[in-house]
Amino acid sequence: MNKQRTDWYDYLTNPAATKNPKQFSVTFERDQNGNFTVAGHQARMLKKVGRQEKWVRVRARDLVKVLNESEIIAK
């Protein structure tokens, strides 16, 4: 993500940004009812620029919105 002001949802659904695989690190919390919650400030994406790699924060709400709209496959 180039600009901090850009909406993460727009970035995560942008076809130009999704052409290459992305790696995410997310911490989930499960409550007593079995519902999952993404812990705030614990959602990160591995940003690769050339040979450099850096974990950057992703807005958890936008990431969960994209996850809800997509098909999740276990590998």
Protein backbone atom coordinates (compact mmCIF):
# COMPACT_ATOMS: atom_id res chain seq x y z
CA MET A 1 0.00 0.00 0.00
CA ASN A 2 1.58 3.23 -1.11
CA LYS A 3 -0.45 5.87 0.71
CA GLN A 4 -1.51 5.67 4.34
CA ARG A 5 -4.76 7.47 3.51
CA THR A 6 -5.86 4.86 0.96
CA ASP A 7 -8.67 2.65 2.22
CA TRP A 8 -7.43 -0.88 2.97
CA TYR A 9 -10.64 -2.40 1.60
CA ASP A 10 -10.05 -0.73 -1.76
CA TYR A 11 -6.45 -1.93 -1.76
CA LEU A 12 -7.34 -5.52 -0.81
CA THR A 13 -9.97 -5.77 -3.56
CA ASN A 14 -7.97 -3.92 -6.25
CA PRO A 15 -7.20 -6.33 -9.13
CA ALA A 16 -3.77 -4.76 -9.64
CA ALA A 17 -2.88 -5.40 -5.98
CA THR A 18 -4.29 -8.94 -5.94
CA LYS A 19 -2.41 -10.27 -8.98
CA ASN A 20 0.43 -11.46 -6.74
CA PRO A 21 -0.13 -13.64 -3.65
CA LYS A 22 -0.11 -11.83 -0.33
CA GLN A 23 0.74 -13.25 3.08
CA PHE A 24 -1.23 -12.18 6.14
CA SER A 25 -0.82 -12.70 9.86
CA VAL A 26 -4.03 -12.41 11.88
CA THR A 27 -4.79 -13.13 15.53
CA PHE A 28 -8.27 -14.52 16.14
CA GLU A 29 -10.05 -14.63 19.50
CA ARG A 30 -12.89 -17.05 20.10
CA ASP A 31 -15.61 -16.27 22.63
CA GLN A 32 -17.67 -18.69 24.71
CA ASN A 33 -20.37 -18.84 22.01
CA GLY A 34 -17.87 -19.99 19.39
CA ASN A 35 -17.75 -16.68 17.49
CA PHE A 36 -14.41 -15.47 16.15
CA THR A 37 -13.11 -11.92 16.45
CA VAL A 38 -10.00 -10.48 14.81
CA ALA A 39 -7.85 -8.82 17.47
CA GLY A 40 -7.31 -5.15 16.63
CA HIS A 41 -3.79 -4.09 15.70
CA GLN A 42 -2.87 -7.74 15.19
CA ALA A 43 -3.76 -7.94 11.48
CA ARG A 44 -0.65 -7.59 9.33
CA MET A 45 0.39 -8.07 5.71
CA LEU A 46 3.87 -8.92 4.47
CA LYS A 47 4.84 -6.10 2.13
CA LYS A 48 7.54 -7.06 -0.37
CA VAL A 49 9.45 -4.39 -2.28
CA GLY A 50 12.29 -5.85 -4.27
CA ARG A 51 14.26 -7.99 -1.85
CA GLN A 52 12.99 -6.17 1.22
CA GLU A 53 10.13 -7.53 3.30
CA LYS A 54 8.27 -5.67 6.02
CA TRP A 55 5.15 -6.46 8.07
CA VAL A 56 2.65 -3.59 7.85
CA ARG A 57 -0.58 -3.15 9.79
CA VAL A 58 -3.83 -3.75 7.97
CA ARG A 59 -7.12 -2.33 9.18
CA ALA A 60 -8.75 -5.38 10.76
CA ARG A 61 -12.30 -4.38 9.81
CA ASP A 62 -11.41 -4.06 6.13
CA LEU A 63 -9.56 -7.39 6.14
CA VAL A 64 -12.53 -9.16 7.77
CA LYS A 65 -14.89 -7.59 5.23
CA VAL A 66 -12.77 -8.98 2.37
CA LEU A 67 -12.57 -12.39 4.10
CA ASN A 68 -16.36 -12.50 4.45
CA GLU A 69 -16.79 -11.74 0.76
CA SER A 70 -14.24 -14.30 -0.44
CA GLU A 71 -13.97 -18.06 -0.45
CA ILE A 72 -11.49 -19.38 2.11
CA ILE A 73 -9.65 -22.59 1.22
CA ALA A 74 -7.45 -24.56 3.61
CA LYS A 75 -4.21 -25.83 2.08
